[in-house]
Protein backbone atom coordinates (compact mmCIF):
# COMPACT_ATOMS: atom_id res chain seq x y z
CA UNK A 1 -9.32 12.85 26.89
CA UNK A 2 -10.87 9.72 25.29
CA UNK A 3 -14.46 10.52 26.22
CA UNK A 4 -13.84 14.24 24.49
CA UNK A 5 -12.21 12.49 21.48
CA UNK A 6 -15.27 10.22 21.23
CA UNK A 7 -17.86 13.11 22.03
CA UNK A 8 -16.16 14.94 18.33
CA UNK A 9 -16.29 11.63 16.31
CA UNK A 10 -20.01 11.09 17.76
CA UNK A 11 -20.56 14.88 16.08
CA UNK A 12 -18.47 14.00 12.75
CA UNK A 13 -20.43 11.27 11.89
CA UNK A 14 -22.75 13.43 9.79
CA UNK A 15 -19.66 14.15 8.12
CA UNK A 16 -18.59 11.39 7.50
CA UNK A 17 -21.62 9.93 5.84
CA UNK A 18 -21.44 12.89 3.52
CA UNK A 19 -18.13 12.26 2.98
CA UNK A 20 -18.86 8.76 2.10
CA UNK A 21 -21.63 10.07 -0.57
CA UNK A 22 -18.99 12.77 -2.02
CA UNK A 23 -16.46 9.89 -2.77
CA UNK A 24 -19.54 7.59 -3.85
CA UNK A 25 -19.84 9.88 -7.00
CA UNK A 26 -16.46 8.51 -8.06
CA UNK A 27 -16.49 5.23 -6.85
CA UNK A 28 -20.06 3.80 -5.96
CA UNK A 29 -18.86 0.76 -4.15
CA UNK A 30 -18.33 4.17 -0.98
CA UNK A 31 -21.79 4.12 -0.91
CA UNK A 32 -22.43 0.08 -0.09
CA UNK A 33 -21.82 -2.22 3.08
CA UNK A 34 -22.19 1.14 5.34
CA UNK A 35 -23.58 -1.05 8.63
CA UNK A 36 -20.27 -2.53 8.82
CA UNK A 37 -18.99 0.68 9.39
CA UNK A 38 -21.32 0.70 12.26
CA UNK A 39 -20.38 -2.38 13.87
CA UNK A 40 -22.84 -4.84 12.05
CA UNK A 41 -20.82 -6.96 10.32
CA UNK A 42 -22.97 -10.18 8.20
CA UNK A 43 -22.54 -13.76 9.76
CA UNK A 44 -19.22 -15.37 9.11
CA UNK A 45 -17.48 -18.46 8.62
CA UNK A 46 -18.17 -19.04 12.76
CA UNK A 47 -14.21 -20.12 12.90
CA UNK A 48 -13.57 -20.03 16.65
CA UNK A 49 -10.20 -18.78 16.38
CA UNK A 50 -10.10 -15.42 14.34
CA UNK A 51 -6.87 -13.70 14.07
CA UNK A 52 -8.04 -9.98 13.16
CA UNK A 53 -5.46 -7.82 10.36
CA UNK A 54 -6.00 -4.23 10.06
CA UNK A 55 -5.03 -3.18 6.68
CA UNK A 56 -6.18 0.78 5.92
CA UNK A 57 -6.24 0.42 2.14
CA UNK A 58 -4.40 -0.80 -1.02
CA UNK A 59 -0.71 -0.44 0.04
CA UNK A 60 -1.14 -1.94 3.84
CA UNK A 61 -2.88 -5.11 2.23
CA UNK A 62 0.06 -5.67 0.16
CA UNK A 63 2.06 -5.45 2.79
CA UNK A 64 -0.02 -8.33 4.80
CA UNK A 65 0.61 -11.26 2.01
CA UNK A 66 4.06 -12.50 3.01
CA UNK A 67 3.10 -12.92 6.72
CA UNK A 68 -0.74 -14.14 5.87
CA UNK A 69 1.07 -16.83 3.85
CA UNK A 70 2.97 -18.04 7.15
CA UNK A 71 -0.05 -17.37 9.57
CA UNK A 72 -2.16 -19.72 6.79
CA UNK A 73 0.35 -22.14 6.59
CA UNK A 74 1.33 -22.63 10.37
CA UNK A 75 -2.05 -21.41 12.08
CA UNK A 76 -4.29 -22.83 9.36
CA UNK A 77 -7.04 -23.90 12.35
CA UNK A 78 -7.51 -20.03 12.67
CA UNK A 79 -9.68 -17.77 10.46
CA UNK A 80 -8.23 -14.64 8.86
CA UNK A 81 -10.33 -11.13 9.01
CA UNK A 82 -9.00 -8.64 7.14
CA UNK A 83 -10.50 -5.30 7.33
CA UNK A 84 -9.60 -2.31 5.20
CA UNK A 85 -11.32 1.51 5.07
CA UNK A 86 -11.50 2.28 1.57
CA UNK A 87 -12.85 -0.17 -1.08
CA UNK A 88 -9.66 -0.21 -3.41
CA UNK A 89 -8.49 -1.47 0.25
CA UNK A 90 -10.86 -4.46 -0.16
CA UNK A 91 -10.66 -5.01 -3.75
CA UNK A 92 -7.37 -5.80 -3.13
CA UNK A 93 -7.97 -8.32 -0.35
CA UNK A 94 -10.79 -10.05 -2.77
CA UNK A 95 -7.85 -10.33 -5.28
CA UNK A 96 -5.22 -11.15 -3.31
CA UNK A 97 -7.32 -14.34 -1.20
CA UNK A 98 -10.46 -14.56 -2.67
CA UNK A 99 -12.40 -16.07 -0.15
CA UNK A 100 -9.51 -17.72 2.18
CA UNK A 101 -10.02 -14.88 4.10
CA UNK A 102 -12.82 -13.07 5.19
CA UNK A 103 -13.18 -8.87 4.85
CA UNK A 104 -15.13 -6.53 6.61
CA UNK A 105 -14.84 -2.68 6.96
CA UNK A 106 -13.65 -1.56 10.02
CA UNK A 107 -15.46 0.19 12.17
CA UNK A 108 -15.77 4.18 12.92
CA UNK A 109 -14.42 4.47 16.34
CA UNK A 110 -16.97 4.91 18.19
CA UNK A 111 -17.72 2.89 21.11
CA UNK A 112 -20.84 1.09 19.89
CA UNK A 113 -19.77 0.12 16.96
CA UNK A 114 -16.47 -1.41 18.24
CA UNK A 115 -17.83 -3.11 20.41
CA UNK A 116 -20.35 -4.79 18.20
CA UNK A 117 -17.87 -5.73 15.62
CA UNK A 118 -15.73 -7.66 18.93
CA UNK A 119 -19.05 -9.23 20.20
CA UNK A 120 -19.38 -10.69 16.34
CA UNK A 121 -15.93 -11.42 15.02
CA UNK A 122 -14.69 -12.58 18.97
CA UNK A 123 -10.76 -12.07 17.57
CA UNK A 124 -7.82 -14.14 19.43
CA UNK A 125 -5.37 -11.10 18.66
CA UNK A 126 -5.06 -7.79 16.10
CA UNK A 127 -2.82 -7.19 13.81
CA UNK A 128 -2.66 -3.40 12.67
CA UNK A 129 -0.67 -2.76 9.91
CA UNK A 130 1.60 0.62 9.91
CA UNK A 131 0.44 3.46 11.80
CA UNK A 132 -3.40 2.85 12.91
CA UNK A 133 -4.22 4.41 16.44
CA UNK A 134 -7.55 4.50 17.24
CA UNK A 135 -8.35 5.40 20.79
CA UNK A 136 -11.58 3.46 21.57
CA UNK A 137 -10.80 0.41 19.41
CA UNK A 138 -7.41 -0.26 20.86
CA UNK A 139 -9.23 0.75 24.52
CA UNK A 140 -11.56 -2.33 24.32
CA UNK A 141 -9.41 -4.73 22.83
CA UNK A 142 -7.68 -4.19 25.73
CA UNK A 143 -10.73 -4.45 28.06
CA UNK A 144 -11.81 -7.59 26.02
CA UNK A 145 -7.76 -8.91 26.91
CA UNK A 146 -7.21 -8.77 23.04
CA UNK A 147 -3.04 -8.29 22.17
CA UNK A 148 -2.54 -5.27 19.87
CA UNK A 149 0.14 -5.65 17.76
CA UNK A 150 1.05 -2.84 15.64
CA UNK A 151 3.24 -4.56 12.51
CA UNK A 152 5.69 -2.78 9.73
CA UNK A 153 5.18 0.46 11.90
CA UNK A 154 6.43 3.49 11.24
CA UNK A 155 5.66 7.36 11.95
CA UNK A 156 7.06 10.16 9.22
CA UNK A 157 7.97 13.19 10.70
CA UNK A 158 4.92 14.69 9.32
CA UNK A 159 2.73 12.21 11.71
CA UNK A 160 4.62 12.81 14.64
CA UNK A 161 4.57 16.54 14.63
CA UNK A 162 0.61 15.57 14.55
CA UNK A 163 0.32 12.98 16.86
CA UNK A 164 2.57 15.03 19.37
CA UNK A 165 -0.24 17.46 19.04
CA UNK A 166 -2.42 15.05 21.13
CA UNK A 167 0.18 13.18 22.79
CA UNK A 168 -1.56 12.19 26.37
CA UNK A 169 -4.12 10.47 24.38
CA UNK A 170 -1.87 9.01 21.79
CA UNK A 171 0.40 8.09 24.75
CA UNK A 172 -2.45 6.46 26.68
CA UNK A 173 -2.97 4.92 23.22
CA UNK A 174 -0.02 3.22 22.90
CA UNK A 175 0.40 1.94 26.65
CA UNK A 176 -2.58 -0.79 25.48
CA UNK A 177 -0.39 -1.99 22.71
CA UNK A 178 0.78 -5.69 23.65
CA UNK A 179 4.01 -4.78 20.58
CA UNK A 180 5.40 -2.27 18.35
CA UNK A 181 7.05 -3.78 15.46
CA UNK A 182 9.00 -0.72 13.84
CA UNK A 183 10.25 -0.89 10.82
CA UNK A 184 13.62 1.59 11.61
CA UNK A 185 14.87 2.64 14.85
CA UNK A 186 13.89 5.98 14.19
CA UNK A 187 10.46 5.11 14.21
CA UNK A 188 11.14 3.40 17.02
CA UNK A 189 12.59 6.24 18.54
CA UNK A 190 9.11 8.44 17.47
CA UNK A 191 6.99 5.96 19.07
CA UNK A 192 8.53 5.81 22.52
CA UNK A 193 8.52 9.77 22.55
CA UNK A 194 4.81 9.26 21.48
CA UNK A 195 4.72 7.52 25.31
CA UNK A 196 5.26 3.64 23.89
CA UNK A 197 6.42 1.55 26.43
CA UNK A 198 9.98 0.86 25.47
CA UNK A 199 10.00 -2.59 26.24
CA UNK A 200 7.23 -3.44 24.26
CA UNK A 201 8.93 -1.66 20.96
CA UNK A 202 11.39 -3.67 18.81
CA UNK A 203 12.61 -3.05 15.28
CA UNK A 204 11.81 -5.83 13.09
CA UNK A 205 12.43 -4.23 9.66
CA UNK A 206 9.96 -4.07 6.37
CA UNK A 207 7.73 -6.62 5.43
CA UNK A 208 7.71 -4.64 2.20
CA UNK A 209 10.98 -6.09 0.99
CA UNK A 210 9.34 -9.88 1.83
CA UNK A 211 7.13 -9.40 -0.94
CA UNK A 212 7.89 -11.45 -4.10
CA UNK A 213 5.55 -10.80 -7.08
CA UNK A 214 3.52 -13.38 -8.87
CA UNK A 215 4.63 -12.97 -12.56
CA UNK A 216 4.96 -15.36 -15.03
CA UNK A 217 7.96 -18.15 -16.11
CA UNK A 218 10.93 -16.80 -18.05
CA UNK A 219 9.70 -17.83 -20.85
CA UNK A 220 6.19 -17.38 -20.95
CA UNK A 221 6.96 -13.80 -19.79
CA UNK A 222 9.44 -13.41 -22.60
CA UNK A 223 6.84 -14.53 -25.05
CA UNK A 224 4.10 -11.84 -23.69
CA UNK A 225 6.96 -9.13 -23.78
CA UNK A 226 7.58 -9.56 -27.32
CA UNK A 227 3.62 -9.71 -27.91
CA UNK A 228 3.50 -6.89 -25.65
CA UNK A 229 5.80 -4.53 -26.56
CA UNK A 230 7.20 -5.72 -29.78
CA UNK A 231 10.39 -4.58 -28.88
CA UNK A 232 9.75 -0.79 -27.85
CA UNK A 233 10.99 0.89 -25.26
CA UNK A 234 8.47 0.92 -21.66
CA UNK A 235 7.95 3.43 -19.14
CA UNK A 236 5.76 2.55 -17.06
CA UNK A 237 4.14 5.72 -14.43
CA UNK A 238 2.72 3.58 -11.15
CA UNK A 239 0.30 4.37 -8.67
CA UNK A 240 -0.22 7.83 -10.67
CA UNK A 241 -1.90 11.13 -8.65
CA UNK A 242 -4.40 14.10 -9.49
CA UNK A 243 -2.26 16.53 -11.21
CA UNK A 244 0.36 13.94 -11.51
CA UNK A 245 -0.61 12.41 -15.13
CA UNK A 246 -0.19 15.85 -16.96
CA UNK A 247 3.03 16.42 -16.10
CA UNK A 248 3.89 12.79 -17.16
CA UNK A 249 1.77 13.04 -19.93
CA UNK A 250 3.78 16.62 -21.52
CA UNK A 251 6.98 14.81 -19.93
CA UNK A 252 6.10 11.80 -22.72
CA UNK A 253 4.77 14.05 -25.36
CA UNK A 254 8.61 15.41 -25.16
CA UNK A 255 10.30 11.90 -24.54
CA UNK A 256 8.35 11.17 -28.08
CA UNK A 257 10.40 13.49 -29.94
CA UNK A 258 13.43 11.76 -29.52
CA UNK A 259 11.86 8.27 -29.22
CA UNK A 260 8.67 7.49 -31.56
CA UNK A 261 8.51 4.23 -30.41
CA UNK A 262 7.90 4.30 -26.58
CA UNK A 263 5.17 3.13 -25.22
CA UNK A 264 4.02 4.47 -21.87
CA UNK A 265 2.00 2.52 -19.55
CA UNK A 266 0.12 4.59 -17.40
CA UNK A 267 -1.45 3.09 -14.04
CA UNK A 268 -3.58 5.57 -11.95
CA UNK A 269 -3.90 4.61 -8.15
CA UNK A 270 -7.07 5.31 -7.74
CA UNK A 271 -9.90 3.41 -10.10
CA UNK A 272 -12.32 6.09 -10.32
CA UNK A 273 -9.85 8.02 -12.04
CA UNK A 274 -9.17 5.51 -14.70
CA UNK A 275 -11.96 7.42 -17.37
CA UNK A 276 -10.30 10.91 -16.53
CA UNK A 277 -6.81 9.15 -17.24
CA UNK A 278 -8.01 8.03 -20.35
CA UNK A 279 -9.55 11.29 -21.18
CA UNK A 280 -6.35 13.47 -20.44
CA UNK A 281 -4.31 11.17 -22.76
CA UNK A 282 -6.66 11.76 -25.85
CA UNK A 283 -7.15 15.22 -25.20
CA UNK A 284 -3.71 15.46 -25.48
CA UNK A 285 -3.88 13.27 -29.07
CA UNK A 286 -1.66 10.43 -27.96
CA UNK A 287 -3.26 7.48 -29.18
CA UNK A 288 -4.63 5.42 -26.12
CA UNK A 289 -6.01 2.02 -25.24
CA UNK A 290 -7.06 0.46 -22.21
CA UNK A 291 -6.28 -2.81 -20.38
CA UNK A 292 -9.79 -3.14 -19.52
CA UNK A 293 -10.26 -3.29 -23.32
CA UNK A 294 -7.96 -6.35 -24.04
CA UNK A 295 -4.20 -7.04 -23.49
CA UNK A 296 -3.40 -7.02 -26.91
CA UNK A 297 -2.49 -3.52 -28.42
CA UNK A 298 -1.57 -2.32 -32.05
CA UNK A 299 2.11 -0.82 -32.94
CA UNK A 300 0.58 3.16 -33.17
CA UNK A 301 -0.86 2.83 -29.80
CA UNK A 302 1.56 5.44 -27.39
CA UNK A 303 -0.04 5.04 -23.82
CA UNK A 304 -1.69 2.04 -22.46
CA UNK A 305 -3.88 2.73 -19.10
CA UNK A 306 -3.35 0.23 -16.56
CA UNK A 307 -7.05 0.13 -15.88
CA UNK A 308 -7.50 -3.11 -13.58
CA UNK A 309 -6.87 -3.82 -10.45
CA UNK A 310 -4.02 -6.70 -9.04
CA UNK A 311 -1.99 -6.58 -12.35
CA UNK A 312 0.84 -3.99 -11.25
CA UNK A 313 3.79 -6.26 -10.55
CA UNK A 314 3.16 -8.47 -14.47
CA UNK A 315 3.77 -4.81 -16.55
CA UNK A 316 6.48 -4.03 -13.75
CA UNK A 317 8.05 -7.07 -15.27
CA UNK A 318 7.29 -5.83 -19.05
CA UNK A 319 8.60 -2.54 -18.44
CA UNK A 320 12.10 -1.41 -18.72
CA UNK A 321 12.11 1.89 -16.20
CA UNK A 322 9.59 2.82 -13.77
CA UNK A 323 8.41 5.88 -12.48
CA UNK A 324 6.86 6.10 -8.67
CA UNK A 325 3.74 8.13 -8.40
CA UNK A 326 2.26 10.39 -5.71
CA UNK A 327 5.82 11.97 -5.85
CA UNK A 328 5.58 14.95 -8.05
CA UNK A 329 2.57 16.07 -6.08
CA UNK A 330 2.65 16.03 -1.92
CA UNK A 331 1.01 12.77 -1.39
CA UNK A 332 4.11 11.35 0.00
CA UNK A 333 5.13 8.59 -3.08
CA UNK A 334 4.28 5.21 -2.60
CA UNK A 335 6.38 1.88 -2.43
CA UNK A 336 9.36 2.03 -4.55
CA UNK A 337 10.19 -1.51 -3.62
CA UNK A 338 8.18 -3.30 -5.93
CA UNK A 339 10.00 -2.09 -9.02
CA UNK A 340 12.88 -2.53 -7.26
CA UNK A 341 12.49 -6.34 -6.51
CA UNK A 342 11.80 -6.47 -10.57
CA UNK A 343 14.84 -4.86 -11.42
CA UNK A 344 13.76 -1.76 -12.98
CA UNK A 345 15.61 1.99 -12.61
CA UNK A 346 13.14 4.15 -10.62
CA UNK A 347 11.89 7.57 -11.27
CA UNK A 348 10.17 9.18 -8.11
CA UNK A 349 10.05 13.23 -7.45
CA UNK A 350 10.82 15.22 -4.34
CA UNK A 351 7.55 14.43 -2.25
CA UNK A 352 8.70 10.98 -0.96
CA UNK A 353 8.15 11.74 2.75
CA UNK A 354 5.40 8.16 3.19
CA UNK A 355 9.00 6.05 1.96
CA UNK A 356 11.83 8.02 2.83
CA UNK A 357 13.59 5.45 4.28
CA UNK A 358 13.42 3.17 1.37
CA UNK A 359 14.08 6.24 -1.05
CA UNK A 360 17.41 7.25 0.82
CA UNK A 361 18.61 3.44 0.95
CA UNK A 362 17.54 3.11 -3.03
CA UNK A 363 19.39 6.56 -3.82
CA UNK A 364 22.06 5.70 -1.81
CA UNK A 365 22.55 2.11 -3.72
CA UNK A 366 22.12 4.24 -6.76
CA UNK A 367 18.76 2.16 -8.06
CA UNK A 368 16.54 5.66 -7.90
CA UNK A 369 16.56 9.19 -10.02
CA UNK A 370 15.13 11.75 -8.15
CA UNK A 371 13.49 14.32 -10.59
CA UNK A 372 11.51 17.65 -9.12
CA UNK A 373 9.87 18.97 -12.18
CA UNK A 374 8.58 17.95 -15.85
CA UNK A 375 12.19 18.66 -17.13
CA UNK A 376 13.82 16.92 -14.72
CA UNK A 377 11.47 13.76 -15.71
CA UNK A 378 12.15 14.32 -19.53
CA UNK A 379 15.96 14.30 -18.81
CA UNK A 380 16.02 11.04 -16.99
CA UNK A 381 13.85 8.95 -19.26
CA UNK A 382 15.46 10.10 -22.21
CA UNK A 383 19.00 8.87 -20.43
CA UNK A 384 17.58 5.90 -18.77
CA UNK A 385 16.27 5.30 -22.61
CA UNK A 386 19.39 5.54 -24.11
CA UNK A 387 21.55 3.90 -22.23
CA UNK A 388 20.88 0.04 -21.48
CA UNK A 389 23.85 -0.19 -18.94
CA UNK A 390 22.92 2.82 -16.57
CA UNK A 391 19.41 0.69 -16.64
CA UNK A 392 20.95 -2.54 -15.93
CA UNK A 393 23.19 -1.33 -12.81
CA UNK A 394 20.77 0.70 -11.63
CA UNK A 395 18.06 -2.50 -11.39
CA UNK A 396 20.65 -4.72 -10.34
CA UNK A 397 21.36 -2.21 -7.24
CA UNK A 398 18.15 -2.39 -6.72
CA UNK A 399 16.76 -5.94 -6.47
CA UNK A 400 20.43 -6.46 -4.17
CA UNK A 401 19.18 -4.39 -1.83
CA UNK A 402 15.18 -5.96 -1.78
CA UNK A 403 16.88 -9.15 -1.35
CA UNK A 404 18.85 -8.18 1.55
CA UNK A 405 16.29 -6.85 3.30
CA UNK A 406 14.08 -9.69 3.26
CA UNK A 407 12.93 -11.44 6.39
CA UNK A 408 11.04 -9.15 8.61
CA UNK A 409 7.53 -11.34 8.17
CA UNK A 410 9.27 -14.57 9.58
CA UNK A 411 10.97 -12.34 12.14
CA UNK A 412 7.49 -11.45 13.28
CA UNK A 413 5.98 -15.01 13.08
CA UNK A 414 8.53 -15.59 15.87
CA UNK A 415 6.85 -12.86 17.79
CA UNK A 416 3.00 -13.87 16.93
CA UNK A 417 3.97 -17.64 17.74
CA UNK A 418 4.07 -16.22 21.67
CA UNK A 419 1.36 -14.23 21.63
CA UNK A 420 -0.74 -16.93 20.06
CA UNK A 421 0.66 -19.74 22.01
CA UNK A 422 -0.60 -17.57 25.40
CA UNK A 423 -3.79 -17.09 24.25
CA UNK A 424 -4.00 -21.12 23.70
CA UNK A 425 -3.46 -21.28 27.35
CA UNK A 426 -5.13 -18.64 28.95
């Protein structure tokens, strides 16, 4: 099965390159560093001990933060290599870690590229964030005696059904994994059904609970908020997608009829769409400003486009309520723990299958409000703007849930310590 899979991948390489070219029309960074995608990486820092972390894109990179901090503290003699698939993931690595870690694009799952990458990096251990199952990558890690740990492992119902269609190949791949650190018992059960070794599957929890945003101290934050908002109610719509901004902008215009001083912060998920979203806002007749043009905005500005990376936590802190995108369109939603950790009431759409467990827990404690359409969005935004007590209660419930869920990164570190100790003696 793996050989057939490899043959199919070889045949798909021209289409993969064409896709990179197509994506580069919106984000030119997709045209850069192509050799890395085939395992040809530039010289790195030459450290002998390398911990390799693979995080496909922005969300997975952000989730590495608590663990990377622990690794830097306890294993300072190790170098850290983080690979991603997307330029936005690469930018997030740079924003979070600067040059304290090394970034490469992960090679396509072709034998020659994977082997070339491994011979150049020589990792001691591979830690894969969430659910990235690559048969050749796992095969050669196993061949070169490199332990594989799937961290923060999750398996949605949709992904499970897709993998079950190729169960023999997936089972063979999972058998090469040293540890699957699952977020929930349901995730663990699905990995077992796909062929994972039950003795190597443990429920460790969700590392995203451990993320603690870097925001200014209270006094500085209050001054920044006063300068930025001038006492206006602020609604942030974060990680929004194509066709979602139109719904949000239309809803916001209706909110303005009741709350004319309300400010909307729009933070599109993908940087290549910043210009498009700004155009949508302007064409809707809304007075629009962009973060890239400066943080100070005039009182008459109605929409503020957050078109920079790495600053979402700060703008959550400057807001009164948050809509988390990818949920009014079938993208599956994004991380609701970030605004919850800052005590914001959260609004999400019906498409939240990427974060079902988190959404269910937040909904059960009263921290999240689910809307199905534009009308529902208008109603709940107006309700939250009007009711300070409701905002406070929802925000407090969400923050308490986040605090109670912390500790998975430390639990995973205990597991990693055993693998690294074994590698040191082998």
